[in-house]
Every structure is written in structure tokens, then in C-alpha cells.
PDB file of N, CA and C in Angstrom:
ATOM      1  N   MET A   1       1.085  -0.931  -0.051  1.00  0.00           N
ATOM      2  CA  MET A   1       0.050   0.052  -0.052  1.00  0.00           C
ATOM      3  C   MET A   1       1.106   1.574  -0.055  1.00  0.00           C
ATOM      4  N   GLU A   2       0.372   2.065  -1.093  1.00  0.00           N
ATOM      5  CA  GLU A   2       1.020   3.601  -0.657  1.00  0.00           C
ATOM      6  C   GLU A   2      -0.032   4.670  -0.124  1.00  0.00           C
ATOM      7  N   GLU A   3       1.022   5.518   0.479  1.00  0.00           N
ATOM      8  CA  GLU A   3       0.483   6.650   1.139  1.00  0.00           C
ATOM      9  C   GLU A   3       0.439   7.323   0.161  1.00  0.00           C
ATOM     10  N   CYS A   4      -0.714   8.263   0.182  1.00  0.00           N
ATOM     11  CA  CYS A   4      -0.457   9.453  -1.034  1.00  0.00           C
ATOM     12  C   CYS A   4      -0.822  10.858  -0.336  1.00  0.00           C
ATOM     13  N   SER A   5      -0.865  10.585   0.973  1.00  0.00           N
ATOM     14  CA  SER A   5      -1.376  11.897   1.580  1.00  0.00           C
ATOM     15  C   SER A   5      -1.031  11.102   3.204  1.00  0.00           C
ATOM     16  N   GLU A   6      -1.361  12.009   4.313  1.00  0.00           N
ATOM     17  CA  GLU A   6      -1.665  11.432   5.766  1.00  0.00           C
ATOM     18  C   GLU A   6      -2.640  10.221   5.407  1.00  0.00           C
ATOM     19  N   LYS A   7      -4.023  10.572   5.075  1.00  0.00           N
ATOM     20  CA  LYS A   7      -4.721   9.882   5.151  1.00  0.00           C
ATOM     21  C   LYS A   7      -5.315   8.975   3.779  1.00  0.00           C
ATOM     22  N   VAL A   8      -4.774   8.812   2.488  1.00  0.00           N
ATOM     23  CA  VAL A   8      -4.849   8.908   1.494  1.00  0.00           C
ATOM     24  C   VAL A   8      -4.087   7.215   1.426  1.00  0.00           C
ATOM     25  N   GLU A   9      -4.673   6.052   1.386  1.00  0.00           N
ATOM     26  CA  GLU A   9      -3.769   5.078   0.366  1.00  0.00           C
ATOM     27  C   GLU A   9      -4.078   4.692  -0.551  1.00  0.00           C
ATOM     28  N   ILE A  10      -3.282   4.289  -1.445  1.00  0.00           N
ATOM     29  CA  ILE A  10      -3.910   3.298  -2.971  1.00  0.00           C
ATOM     30  C   ILE A  10      -3.308   2.384  -2.417  1.00  0.00           C
ATOM     31  N   TYR A  11      -3.953   1.219  -2.998  1.00  0.00           N
ATOM     32  CA  TYR A  11      -3.664  -0.384  -2.968  1.00  0.00           C
ATOM     33  C   TYR A  11      -2.988  -1.320  -3.914  1.00  0.00           C
ATOM     34  N   GLY A  12      -2.299  -1.506  -3.492  1.00  0.00           N
ATOM     35  CA  GLY A  12      -1.735  -2.533  -4.879  1.00  0.00           C
ATOM     36  C   GLY A  12       0.008  -2.221  -5.369  1.00  0.00           C
ATOM     37  N   PRO A  13       0.279  -3.031  -6.376  1.00  0.00           N
ATOM     38  CA  PRO A  13       1.483  -2.812  -6.495  1.00  0.00           C
ATOM     39  C   PRO A  13       1.790  -0.726  -6.563  1.00  0.00           C
ATOM     40  N   THR A  14       3.132  -0.520  -6.200  1.00  0.00           N
ATOM     41  CA  THR A  14       3.751   0.603  -5.743  1.00  0.00           C
ATOM     42  C   THR A  14       4.212   1.125  -7.372  1.00  0.00           C
ATOM     43  N   ASP A  15       4.796   0.229  -8.184  1.00  0.00           N
ATOM     44  CA  ASP A  15       5.394   0.498  -9.065  1.00  0.00           C
ATOM     45  C   ASP A  15       3.995   1.227 -10.770  1.00  0.00           C
ATOM     46  N   PHE A  16       3.434   2.752 -10.744  1.00  0.00           N
ATOM     47  CA  PHE A  16       2.321   2.997 -11.292  1.00  0.00           C
ATOM     48  C   PHE A  16       2.628   2.219 -12.441  1.00  0.00           C
ATOM     49  N   SER A  17       3.860   1.905 -13.075  1.00  0.00           N
ATOM     50  CA  SER A  17       3.898   2.098 -14.575  1.00  0.00           C
ATOM     51  C   SER A  17       3.601   0.561 -14.776  1.00  0.00           C
ATOM     52  N   SER A  18       3.263  -0.631 -13.663  1.00  0.00           N
ATOM     53  CA  SER A  18       2.861  -1.715 -13.902  1.00  0.00           C
ATOM     54  C   SER A  18       1.129  -1.556 -13.482  1.00  0.00           C
ATOM     55  N   LYS A  19       0.935  -0.772 -13.386  1.00  0.00           N
ATOM     56  CA  LYS A  19      -0.891  -0.546 -13.002  1.00  0.00           C
ATOM     57  C   LYS A  19      -1.384  -0.378 -14.536  1.00  0.00           C
ATOM     58  N   CYS A  20      -2.720  -0.303 -14.687  1.00  0.00           N
ATOM     59  CA  CYS A  20      -3.878   0.012 -15.818  1.00  0.00           C
ATOM     60  C   CYS A  20      -4.621   1.221 -15.206  1.00  0.00           C
ATOM     61  N   GLY A  21      -5.646   1.122 -15.625  1.00  0.00           N
ATOM     62  CA  GLY A  21      -6.550   2.775 -15.280  1.00  0.00           C
ATOM     63  C   GLY A  21      -6.936   1.982 -13.580  1.00  0.00           C
ATOM     64  N   ILE A  22      -7.010   1.078 -13.190  1.00  0.00           N
ATOM     65  CA  ILE A  22      -7.657   0.813 -12.224  1.00  0.00           C
ATOM     66  C   ILE A  22      -7.121   1.487 -10.723  1.00  0.00           C
ATOM     67  N   ILE A  23      -7.104   2.368  -9.979  1.00  0.00           N
ATOM     68  CA  ILE A  23      -7.147   2.922  -8.700  1.00  0.00           C
ATOM     69  C   ILE A  23      -7.694   1.987  -7.540  1.00  0.00           C
ATOM     70  N   PRO A  24      -7.508   1.182  -6.975  1.00  0.00           N
ATOM     71  CA  PRO A  24      -8.180   0.936  -5.631  1.00  0.00           C
ATOM     72  C   PRO A  24      -7.544   2.368  -4.399  1.00  0.00           C
ATOM     73  N   PHE A  25      -8.108   2.532  -3.846  1.00  0.00           N
ATOM     74  CA  PHE A  25      -8.090   3.578  -2.615  1.00  0.00           C
ATOM     75  C   PHE A  25      -8.839   3.218  -1.477  1.00  0.00           C
ATOM     76  N   GLY A  26      -8.439   3.960  -0.405  1.00  0.00           N
ATOM     77  CA  GLY A  26      -9.106   4.325   0.804  1.00  0.00           C
ATOM     78  C   GLY A  26      -8.616   5.624   1.267  1.00  0.00           C
ATOM     79  N   VAL A  27      -9.337   5.915   2.617  1.00  0.00           N
ATOM     80  CA  VAL A  27      -8.787   7.223   3.140  1.00  0.00           C
ATOM     81  C   VAL A  27      -9.017   7.104   4.757  1.00  0.00           C
ATOM     82  N   ARG A  28      -8.245   7.504   5.298  1.00  0.00           N
ATOM     83  CA  ARG A  28      -7.786   6.461   7.064  1.00  0.00           C
ATOM     84  C   ARG A  28      -9.619   7.350   7.831  1.00  0.00           C
ATOM     85  N   GLY A  29     -10.044   6.287   8.023  1.00  0.00           N
ATOM     86  CA  GLY A  29     -11.063   7.011   9.372  1.00  0.00           C
ATOM     87  C   GLY A  29     -12.815   6.934   8.301  1.00  0.00           C
ATOM     88  N   LEU A  30     -12.819   6.934   7.038  1.00  0.00           N
ATOM     89  CA  LEU A  30     -13.708   6.632   6.420  1.00  0.00           C
ATOM     90  C   LEU A  30     -13.948   5.556   5.649  1.00  0.00           C
ATOM     91  N   SER A  31     -15.231   5.056   5.456  1.00  0.00           N
ATOM     92  CA  SER A  31     -15.540   4.093   4.955  1.00  0.00           C
ATOM     93  C   SER A  31     -15.695   4.448   3.364  1.00  0.00           C
ATOM     94  N   SER A  32     -15.551   3.324   2.702  1.00  0.00           N
ATOM     95  CA  SER A  32     -15.174   3.878   1.067  1.00  0.00           C
ATOM     96  C   SER A  32     -16.666   3.827   0.486  1.00  0.00           C
ATOM     97  N   HIS A  33     -17.874   3.640   1.367  1.00  0.00           N
ATOM     98  CA  HIS A  33     -19.020   4.103   1.254  1.00  0.00           C
ATOM     99  C   HIS A  33     -18.929   5.677   1.079  1.00  0.00           C
ATOM    100  N   ASP A  34     -18.683   6.358   2.381  1.00  0.00           N
ATOM    101  CA  ASP A  34     -18.907   7.322   2.324  1.00  0.00           C
ATOM    102  C   ASP A  34     -17.533   8.227   1.794  1.00  0.00           C
ATOM    103  N   VAL A  35     -16.293   8.037   1.351  1.00  0.00           N
ATOM    104  CA  VAL A  35     -15.755   8.710  -0.111  1.00  0.00           C
ATOM    105  C   VAL A  35     -16.620   8.340  -1.378  1.00  0.00           C
ATOM    106  N   ALA A  36     -17.257   7.794  -1.950  1.00  0.00           N
ATOM    107  CA  ALA A  36     -17.548   7.656  -2.694  1.00  0.00           C
ATOM    108  C   ALA A  36     -19.034   8.597  -2.880  1.00  0.00           C
ATOM    109  N   LEU A  37     -19.553   8.657  -1.821  1.00  0.00           N
ATOM    110  CA  LEU A  37     -20.801   9.673  -1.839  1.00  0.00           C
ATOM    111  C   LEU A  37     -20.465  10.944  -1.753  1.00  0.00           C
ATOM    112  N   PHE A  38     -19.172  11.439  -1.480  1.00  0.00           N
ATOM    113  CA  PHE A  38     -18.308  12.682  -0.634  1.00  0.00           C
ATOM    114  C   PHE A  38     -18.185  13.386  -2.174  1.00  0.00           C
ATOM    115  N   LEU A  39     -17.232  11.960  -3.265  1.00  0.00           N
ATOM    116  CA  LEU A  39     -17.048  12.455  -4.173  1.00  0.00           C
ATOM    117  C   LEU A  39     -18.293  12.374  -5.021  1.00  0.00           C
ATOM    118  N   ASP A  40     -19.428  11.638  -5.011  1.00  0.00           N
ATOM    119  CA  ASP A  40     -19.931  11.993  -5.583  1.00  0.00           C
ATOM    120  C   ASP A  40     -21.160  13.225  -5.583  1.00  0.00           C
ATOM    121  N   ASN A  41     -20.803  13.962  -4.333  1.00  0.00           N
ATOM    122  CA  ASN A  41     -21.094  15.214  -4.797  1.00  0.00           C
ATOM    123  C   ASN A  41     -20.570  16.275  -5.176  1.00  0.00           C
ATOM    124  N   PHE A  42     -19.463  15.385  -5.895  1.00  0.00           N
ATOM    125  CA  PHE A  42     -18.673  16.653  -6.890  1.00  0.00           C
ATOM    126  C   PHE A  42     -18.941  16.671  -8.164  1.00  0.00           C
ATOM    127  N   GLY A  43     -19.578  14.837  -8.687  1.00  0.00           N
ATOM    128  CA  GLY A  43     -19.916  14.915 -10.064  1.00  0.00           C
ATOM    129  C   GLY A  43     -18.201  13.316 -10.454  1.00  0.00           C
ATOM    130  N   ILE A  44     -18.006  13.272  -9.429  1.00  0.00           N
ATOM    131  CA  ILE A  44     -17.099  11.838  -9.339  1.00  0.00           C
ATOM    132  C   ILE A  44     -17.128  11.006  -9.107  1.00  0.00           C
ATOM    133  N   MET A  45     -17.306  10.206 -10.097  1.00  0.00           N
ATOM    134  CA  MET A  45     -18.203   8.186  -9.868  1.00  0.00           C
ATOM    135  C   MET A  45     -16.677   7.478  -9.711  1.00  0.00           C
ATOM    136  N   VAL A  46     -16.904   7.001  -8.344  1.00  0.00           N
ATOM    137  CA  VAL A  46     -16.064   5.866  -8.017  1.00  0.00           C
ATOM    138  C   VAL A  46     -16.697   4.475  -7.849  1.00  0.00           C
ATOM    139  N   ARG A  47     -16.465   3.533  -7.633  1.00  0.00           N
ATOM    140  CA  ARG A  47     -16.867   2.190  -6.731  1.00  0.00           C
ATOM    141  C   ARG A  47     -16.614   2.395  -5.392  1.00  0.00           C
ATOM    142  N   SER A  48     -17.476   1.430  -4.893  1.00  0.00           N
ATOM    143  CA  SER A  48     -16.690   1.144  -3.644  1.00  0.00           C
ATOM    144  C   SER A  48     -17.251  -0.587  -3.048  1.00  0.00           C
ATOM    145  N   GLY A  49     -16.819  -0.634  -2.274  1.00  0.00           N
ATOM    146  CA  GLY A  49     -16.906  -2.403  -1.826  1.00  0.00           C
ATOM    147  C   GLY A  49     -15.761  -3.298  -1.980  1.00  0.00           C
ATOM    148  N   PHE A  50     -16.460  -4.207  -2.334  1.00  0.00           N
ATOM    149  CA  PHE A  50     -15.267  -5.528  -2.543  1.00  0.00           C
ATOM    150  C   PHE A  50     -14.932  -5.897  -3.630  1.00  0.00           C
ATOM    151  N   HIS A  51     -15.551  -5.326  -4.992  1.00  0.00           N
ATOM    152  CA  HIS A  51     -15.501  -5.071  -5.966  1.00  0.00           C
ATOM    153  C   HIS A  51     -14.437  -6.486  -6.073  1.00  0.00           C
ATOM    154  N   CYS A  52     -16.119  -7.515  -5.926  1.00  0.00           N
ATOM    155  CA  CYS A  52     -15.048  -9.526  -6.431  1.00  0.00           C
ATOM    156  C   CYS A  52     -14.167  -9.407  -6.134  1.00  0.00           C
ATOM    157  N   ALA A  53     -13.188  -8.674  -4.902  1.00  0.00           N
ATOM    158  CA  ALA A  53     -12.281  -9.281  -4.656  1.00  0.00           C
ATOM    159  C   ALA A  53     -12.069  -9.356  -2.884  1.00  0.00           C
ATOM    160  N   GLN A  54     -13.371 -10.210  -2.490  1.00  0.00           N
ATOM    161  CA  GLN A  54     -13.487  -9.976  -0.666  1.00  0.00           C
ATOM    162  C   GLN A  54     -12.484 -10.353  -0.788  1.00  0.00           C
ATOM    163  N   PRO A  55     -11.566 -11.271  -1.030  1.00  0.00           N
ATOM    164  CA  PRO A  55     -10.383 -12.678  -0.309  1.00  0.00           C
ATOM    165  C   PRO A  55      -9.833 -11.845  -0.356  1.00  0.00           C
ATOM    166  N   LEU A  56      -8.933 -10.645  -1.274  1.00  0.00           N
ATOM    167  CA  LEU A  56      -7.705  -9.657  -1.195  1.00  0.00           C
ATOM    168  C   LEU A  56      -8.070  -8.326  -0.149  1.00  0.00           C
ATOM    169  N   HIS A  57      -9.493  -8.127  -0.105  1.00  0.00           N
ATOM    170  CA  HIS A  57      -9.767  -7.674   1.735  1.00  0.00           C
ATOM    171  C   HIS A  57      -9.304  -8.167   2.620  1.00  0.00           C
ATOM    172  N   GLU A  58      -9.566  -9.063   3.125  1.00  0.00           N
ATOM    173  CA  GLU A  58      -9.887  -9.847   4.437  1.00  0.00           C
ATOM    174  C   GLU A  58      -7.981  -9.877   4.184  1.00  0.00           C
ATOM    175  N   LEU A  59      -7.561 -10.489   3.305  1.00  0.00           N
ATOM    176  CA  LEU A  59      -6.057 -10.666   3.210  1.00  0.00           C
ATOM    177  C   LEU A  59      -5.150  -9.336   3.797  1.00  0.00           C
ATOM    178  N   LEU A  60      -5.775  -8.303   3.094  1.00  0.00           N
ATOM    179  CA  LEU A  60      -5.106  -6.923   3.284  1.00  0.00           C
ATOM    180  C   LEU A  60      -5.780  -6.312   4.478  1.00  0.00           C
ATOM    181  N   LYS A  61      -6.611  -6.801   5.047  1.00  0.00           N
ATOM    182  CA  LYS A  61      -7.554  -6.457   6.051  1.00  0.00           C
ATOM    183  C   LYS A  61      -8.049  -5.089   6.328  1.00  0.00           C
ATOM    184  N   LEU A  62      -9.144  -5.047   5.489  1.00  0.00           N
ATOM    185  CA  LEU A  62      -9.574  -3.724   4.610  1.00  0.00           C
ATOM    186  C   LEU A  62     -10.813  -4.153   4.507  1.00  0.00           C
ATOM    187  N   ASP A  63     -11.770  -3.163   5.577  1.00  0.00           N
ATOM    188  CA  ASP A  63     -13.575  -3.162   4.987  1.00  0.00           C
ATOM    189  C   ASP A  63     -13.473  -3.253   3.693  1.00  0.00           C
ATOM    190  N   SER A  64     -13.097  -2.664   3.020  1.00  0.00           N
ATOM    191  CA  SER A  64     -14.215  -2.677   1.732  1.00  0.00           C
ATOM    192  C   SER A  64     -12.889  -1.052   1.296  1.00  0.00           C
ATOM    193  N   SER A  65     -12.874  -1.076   0.042  1.00  0.00           N
ATOM    194  CA  SER A  65     -12.168  -0.015  -1.019  1.00  0.00           C
ATOM    195  C   SER A  65     -12.834   0.506  -1.640  1.00  0.00           C
ATOM    196  N   ALA A  66     -12.910   1.918  -2.615  1.00  0.00           N
ATOM    197  CA  ALA A  66     -12.808   2.554  -3.208  1.00  0.00           C
ATOM    198  C   ALA A  66     -12.020   2.301  -4.484  1.00  0.00           C
ATOM    199  N   ARG A  67     -12.961   2.548  -5.512  1.00  0.00           N
ATOM    200  CA  ARG A  67     -11.859   1.904  -7.077  1.00  0.00           C
ATOM    201  C   ARG A  67     -12.008   3.762  -7.814  1.00  0.00           C
ATOM    202  N   ALA A  68     -11.397   4.231  -8.093  1.00  0.00           N
ATOM    203  CA  ALA A  68     -11.770   5.126  -9.508  1.00  0.00           C
ATOM    204  C   ALA A  68     -11.168   4.223 -10.714  1.00  0.00           C
ATOM    205  N   SER A  69     -11.413   4.479 -11.796  1.00  0.00           N
ATOM    206  CA  SER A  69     -11.273   4.124 -13.531  1.00  0.00           C
ATOM    207  C   SER A  69     -10.992   4.706 -14.451  1.00  0.00           C
ATOM    208  N   PHE A  70      -9.967   4.942 -14.512  1.00  0.00           N
ATOM    209  CA  PHE A  70      -9.159   5.990 -15.754  1.00  0.00           C
ATOM    210  C   PHE A  70      -9.250   5.187 -16.985  1.00  0.00           C
ATOM    211  N   TYR A  71      -9.897   6.102 -18.097  1.00  0.00           N
ATOM    212  CA  TYR A  71      -8.968   5.410 -19.932  1.00  0.00           C
ATOM    213  C   TYR A  71      -9.420   6.637 -20.355  1.00  0.00           C
ATOM    214  N   VAL A  72      -9.756   6.072 -21.576  1.00  0.00           N
ATOM    215  CA  VAL A  72      -9.234   7.427 -22.632  1.00  0.00           C
ATOM    216  C   VAL A  72     -10.068   8.281 -22.804  1.00  0.00           C
ATOM    217  N   TYR A  73     -11.408   8.198 -22.262  1.00  0.00           N
ATOM    218  CA  TYR A  73     -12.692   9.028 -22.292  1.00  0.00           C
ATOM    219  C   TYR A  73     -12.323  10.106 -21.256  1.00  0.00           C
ATOM    220  N   ASN A  74     -11.111   9.942 -20.290  1.00  0.00           N
ATOM    221  CA  ASN A  74     -11.148  11.121 -19.145  1.00  0.00           C
ATOM    222  C   ASN A  74     -10.174  12.296 -19.820  1.00  0.00           C
ATOM    223  N   THR A  75     -10.206  13.392 -19.228  1.00  0.00           N
ATOM    224  CA  THR A  75      -9.819  13.976 -19.501  1.00  0.00           C
ATOM    225  C   THR A  75      -8.496  14.880 -18.177  1.00  0.00           C
ATOM    226  N   GLN A  76      -7.501  15.134 -19.050  1.00  0.00           N
ATOM    227  CA  GLN A  76      -6.421  15.780 -17.720  1.00  0.00           C
ATOM    228  C   GLN A  76      -7.594  15.988 -16.409  1.00  0.00           C
ATOM    229  N   GLU A  77      -8.437  16.980 -16.794  1.00  0.00           N
ATOM    230  CA  GLU A  77      -9.202  17.863 -15.826  1.00  0.00           C
ATOM    231  C   GLU A  77      -9.776  17.150 -14.976  1.00  0.00           C
ATOM    232  N   GLU A  78     -10.362  16.185 -15.565  1.00  0.00           N
ATOM    233  CA  GLU A  78     -11.265  15.117 -14.586  1.00  0.00           C
ATOM    234  C   GLU A  78     -10.171  14.635 -13.554  1.00  0.00           C
ATOM    235  N   VAL A  79      -9.356  14.054 -13.946  1.00  0.00           N
ATOM    236  CA  VAL A  79      -8.078  13.728 -13.113  1.00  0.00           C
ATOM    237  C   VAL A  79      -7.568  14.382 -12.160  1.00  0.00           C
ATOM    238  N   ASP A  80      -7.098  15.487 -12.675  1.00  0.00           N
ATOM    239  CA  ASP A  80      -6.951  16.744 -11.237  1.00  0.00           C
ATOM    240  C   ASP A  80      -7.818  16.676 -10.537  1.00  0.00           C
ATOM    241  N   ARG A  81      -8.913  17.511 -10.676  1.00  0.00           N
ATOM    242  CA  ARG A  81     -10.352  17.741 -10.109  1.00  0.00           C
ATOM    243  C   ARG A  81     -10.585  16.194  -9.402  1.00  0.00           C
ATOM    244  N   PHE A  82     -10.640  14.964  -9.572  1.00  0.00           N
ATOM    245  CA  PHE A  82     -10.841  13.817  -8.574  1.00  0.00           C
ATOM    246  C   PHE A  82      -9.459  13.814  -7.656  1.00  0.00           C
ATOM    247  N   VAL A  83      -7.862  14.006  -7.991  1.00  0.00           N
ATOM    248  CA  VAL A  83      -6.979  14.239  -6.904  1.00  0.00           C
ATOM    249  C   VAL A  83      -7.243  15.658  -6.002  1.00  0.00           C
ATOM    250  N   GLN A  84      -7.816  16.335  -6.540  1.00  0.00           N
ATOM    251  CA  GLN A  84      -8.018  17.401  -5.346  1.00  0.00           C
ATOM    252  C   GLN A  84      -9.285  17.406  -4.162  1.00  0.00           C
ATOM    253  N   VAL A  85     -10.419  16.904  -5.525  1.00  0.00           N
ATOM    254  CA  VAL A  85     -11.768  16.464  -4.289  1.00  0.00           C
ATOM    255  C   VAL A  85     -10.720  15.462  -3.067  1.00  0.00           C
ATOM    256  N   LEU A  86      -9.843  14.639  -3.916  1.00  0.00           N
ATOM    257  CA  LEU A  86      -9.644  13.684  -2.764  1.00  0.00           C
ATOM    258  C   LEU A  86      -8.573  14.042  -1.697  1.00  0.00           C
ATOM    259  N   GLU A  87      -7.889  15.384  -2.025  1.00  0.00           N
ATOM    260  CA  GLU A  87      -6.998  15.822  -0.850  1.00  0.00           C
ATOM    261  C   GLU A  87      -7.812  16.405   0.312  1.00  0.00           C
ATOM    262  N   GLU A  88      -8.268  17.317  -0.383  1.00  0.00           N
ATOM    263  CA  GLU A  88      -9.913  17.624   0.059  1.00  0.00           C
ATOM    264  C   GLU A  88     -10.471  17.085   1.409  1.00  0.00           C
ATOM    265  N   ILE A  89     -10.763  16.074   1.063  1.00  0.00           N
ATOM    266  CA  ILE A  89     -11.846  14.428   1.651  1.00  0.00           C
ATOM    267  C   ILE A  89     -10.491  14.334   2.902  1.00  0.00           C
ATOM    268  N   GLY A  90      -9.179  13.776   2.353  1.00  0.00           N
ATOM    269  CA  GLY A  90      -8.077  13.641   2.959  1.00  0.00           C
ATOM    270  C   GLY A  90      -7.830  14.356   4.205  1.00  0.00           C
ATOM    271  N   GLN A  91      -8.267  15.913   4.219  1.00  0.00           N
ATOM    272  CA  GLN A  91      -7.830  16.934   5.002  1.00  0.00           C
ATOM    273  C   GLN A  91      -8.752  17.082   6.158  1.00  0.00           C
ATOM    274  N   PHE A  92     -10.366  16.307   5.491  1.00  0.00           N
ATOM    275  CA  PHE A  92     -11.275  15.909   7.036  1.00  0.00           C
ATOM    276  C   PHE A  92     -10.479  15.016   8.156  1.00  0.00           C
TER     277      PHE A  92
END
């Protein structure tokens, strides 16, 4: 797990050159569902839950995770806005 800020963690490999556009993450002190709801209030859609990977969540001792998915249809501005709002969540 890689720490992006004091509260935001990215789960999985820390070598981003080996990642695709799917980024599972969590915000300490908040459920993934609360994170998804907060982001939704800013027009940012993420998934929350187990993502068909409950055994992995149990291994990592996670109740659930949020997951952002990026692809060719996302603009740089959308990615920047996601990061900005995620940093705001981490400040709470």
C-alpha cells in the first residue's frame, strides 16, 4: 500500500508503470461508501465495496475499498479534479 497523503492510501503495486487505469484506494477514518458519496457530490463517480475481491480485502485487513477507473475518455482536467477533491477529503 502506498500513502498519497497522511490519510489517502493506494492499494496494490507501488510501481505505477505496471498499473492499468484502475486505482483502488482508501481514506483512513472513512468507509469507502462515505468516500464514494462525498466524491459523487462533486460529480466524480467511483465504485466502493469489495469489487469481487473479498478474499484480497480480508488478506489486506480492509473492510472495503473505493476504486477509481481511468481510461481514454477521461480528460486531464477530470483527473486533476479527482485528485483535488480526494486531497480535500483527506484533510477532514
